[in-house]
Structure formats: structure tokens, C-alpha cells
Protein backbone atom coordinates (compact mmCIF):
# COMPACT_ATOMS: atom_id res chain seq x y z
CA MET A 1 20.41 -0.71 -26.58
CA ASN A 2 17.24 0.68 -28.13
CA THR A 3 14.96 2.22 -25.52
CA ASP A 4 12.41 3.67 -27.98
CA GLN A 5 8.94 2.69 -26.77
CA SER A 6 6.95 4.67 -29.31
CA ASN A 7 5.48 1.46 -30.75
CA SER A 8 4.71 0.02 -27.33
CA PRO A 9 0.96 -0.58 -26.80
CA ALA A 10 1.11 0.87 -23.28
CA MET A 11 3.24 3.85 -22.34
CA ILE A 12 3.38 5.61 -18.98
CA GLU A 13 2.87 9.34 -19.33
CA SER A 14 4.02 11.94 -16.87
CA THR A 15 1.16 13.81 -15.30
CA SER A 16 0.86 17.52 -15.85
CA ASP A 17 -2.80 17.71 -14.90
CA ARG A 18 -4.65 17.27 -11.60
CA ARG A 19 -3.61 13.66 -11.04
CA ASP A 20 -0.90 12.71 -8.60
CA ASP A 21 -0.55 9.19 -10.05
CA GLN A 22 1.00 8.08 -13.32
CA ARG A 23 -1.36 6.85 -15.96
CA VAL A 24 -0.90 4.14 -18.53
CA THR A 25 -1.97 4.85 -22.09
CA LEU A 26 -3.93 1.90 -23.47
CA ASP A 27 -4.60 0.89 -27.07
CA PRO A 28 -8.40 1.33 -27.29
CA ALA A 29 -8.65 -1.52 -29.82
CA TYR A 30 -7.41 -3.92 -27.13
CA SER A 31 -9.05 -2.34 -24.06
CA PRO A 32 -12.82 -2.83 -24.17
CA VAL A 33 -14.97 -1.45 -21.37
CA GLN A 34 -18.46 -2.25 -20.15
CA VAL A 35 -20.25 0.46 -18.20
CA ARG A 36 -23.44 0.17 -16.17
CA ARG A 37 -25.26 3.05 -14.53
CA LEU A 38 -25.72 2.24 -10.85
CA ASN A 39 -29.40 3.15 -11.22
CA ASP A 40 -29.77 0.82 -14.26
CA MET A 41 -27.50 -2.22 -13.81
CA ALA A 42 -29.38 -4.19 -16.51
CA THR A 43 -28.15 -1.97 -19.37
CA ILE A 44 -24.55 -2.52 -20.53
CA LEU A 45 -22.86 0.31 -22.43
CA PRO A 46 -19.84 -0.97 -24.40
CA GLY A 47 -16.84 1.17 -25.23
CA HIS A 48 -13.03 1.43 -25.17
CA ALA A 49 -10.50 2.68 -22.61
CA TYR A 50 -7.77 5.19 -23.53
CA ASP A 51 -5.84 5.28 -20.27
CA ILE A 52 -5.92 4.08 -16.69
CA SER A 53 -4.38 5.15 -13.40
CA PRO A 54 -4.92 4.09 -9.78
CA THR A 55 -7.50 6.87 -9.44
CA GLY A 56 -9.44 6.72 -12.71
CA SER A 57 -9.70 6.12 -16.42
CA ARG A 58 -10.46 7.95 -19.67
CA PHE A 59 -12.75 6.04 -22.03
CA GLU A 60 -15.36 6.41 -24.77
CA LEU A 61 -18.93 5.24 -25.18
CA ASP A 62 -21.44 5.73 -27.99
CA GLU A 63 -23.86 7.08 -25.39
CA SER A 64 -23.03 10.17 -23.36
CA LEU A 65 -23.21 10.06 -19.57
CA GLU A 66 -23.48 13.07 -17.25
CA PRO A 67 -20.82 14.53 -14.94
CA GLY A 68 -21.57 13.32 -11.44
CA GLU A 69 -23.28 10.17 -12.70
CA ARG A 70 -22.42 7.02 -10.72
CA ILE A 71 -21.29 3.98 -12.71
CA GLN A 72 -19.79 0.53 -12.51
CA ILE A 73 -16.98 0.07 -15.03
CA GLU A 74 -15.21 -3.07 -16.19
CA ILE A 75 -12.00 -2.60 -18.18
CA ASP A 76 -10.55 -5.65 -19.92
CA SER A 77 -6.97 -4.79 -20.84
CA VAL A 78 -4.93 -7.18 -22.94
CA VAL A 79 -1.93 -4.90 -22.36
CA CYS A 80 -2.27 -5.07 -18.57
CA ARG A 81 -3.19 -8.76 -18.76
CA SER A 82 -6.11 -8.21 -16.39
CA THR A 83 -9.69 -7.11 -15.94
CA LEU A 84 -10.60 -4.33 -13.53
CA LYS A 85 -14.15 -3.97 -12.19
CA THR A 86 -14.96 -1.07 -9.89
CA THR A 87 -17.37 1.82 -9.34
CA GLY A 88 -16.84 5.52 -9.73
CA THR A 89 -18.18 8.94 -10.66
CA ILE A 90 -18.07 10.57 -14.11
CA GLN A 91 -15.87 13.69 -13.89
CA TRP A 92 -16.07 15.18 -17.39
CA ILE A 93 -17.43 14.55 -20.90
CA SER A 94 -15.82 15.81 -24.12
CA SER A 95 -17.76 18.42 -26.06
CA GLU A 96 -19.75 17.19 -29.08
CA ASP A 97 -18.58 20.30 -30.92
CA ASP A 98 -14.89 19.47 -30.39
CA ASP A 99 -15.16 15.68 -30.61
CA PRO A 100 -17.90 14.35 -32.91
CA GLY A 101 -18.68 10.64 -32.68
CA PRO A 102 -18.34 8.51 -29.56
CA ARG A 103 -18.25 10.54 -26.34
CA ARG A 104 -14.94 10.57 -24.49
CA MET A 105 -15.23 10.92 -20.72
CA ALA A 106 -13.37 10.25 -17.48
CA VAL A 107 -14.30 8.34 -14.36
CA GLU A 108 -12.79 8.79 -10.92
CA PHE A 109 -12.72 5.43 -9.15
CA ASP A 110 -14.28 5.21 -5.68
CA THR A 111 -11.50 2.92 -4.49
CA LEU A 112 -8.98 0.64 -6.07
CA GLN A 113 -8.17 -2.17 -3.67
CA ASP A 114 -4.57 -3.34 -3.32
CA ALA A 115 -5.48 -6.63 -5.01
CA GLN A 116 -6.82 -4.69 -8.00
CA ARG A 117 -3.64 -2.60 -8.20
CA ILE A 118 -1.58 -5.78 -8.17
CA SER A 119 -3.78 -7.33 -10.88
CA LEU A 120 -2.90 -4.36 -13.07
CA GLY A 121 0.78 -5.13 -12.52
CA GLY A 122 1.37 -5.73 -16.22
CA CYS A 123 0.93 -1.97 -16.56
CA ARG A 124 2.67 -1.01 -13.30
CA VAL A 125 -0.31 1.08 -12.15
């Protein structure tokens, strides 16, 4: 039996950083995001998600946000077969010097309701 999942569009990574939860790596091409600043809900910032966990997500936008900034994020994941919409706080932004182009950043979710966790069941988050 072949258990190689290297070509799988979503792979669970072990966590060696600050997170206690497992995260699911998403294929950014199939995981669009829409971000709104809570102080400017009319402006939609499109981007792509790289991973998701019960506590947050790493994603990219063409426009940089600021650590501490409050946002609403909607992640539409074909891999997880669901759409997640929640609020959170930006935790970090990648350096322009190290990562030219779209800005990669991470959001820590305020809360992820049980129903939202179940809706992400295709990814076992």
C-alpha cells in the first residue's frame, strides 16, 4: 500500500512552533481569501491561504496589513470543501526584504465555533 502523500493538495504538518494545534497546508491556487479591515468593511482585499488551523491561518495579500490590525477573513477552500468566515488579529507580516511581492502574514482567529470546525472536516482541522 502506497502511503506517500507528497502530491496531496492538503497535508497535515506537525507543529514545531508556538501552535498547539495541527495545521493543514493548503494549495494557494485553490484557497482564495477575502479580507476586510474591521474599520473599513467596504473594501475587500483578495488573496490566497497557505495553511489553516483551529487557531489561525497564514495567507498572502497584495496589500500589507499591520500587526495588531483587526480583520474579518473568509477562506474558501476547495480542499476542505468549505468556506470559513471569522474575525481575528494580524500576528505577523513577512519582511519585504526577505519576501518581495505579495505580503505573507498570519491571523489568529478570535474564535472558531464548533460548527465551523466541523465544516472544515474535509481537512480534519
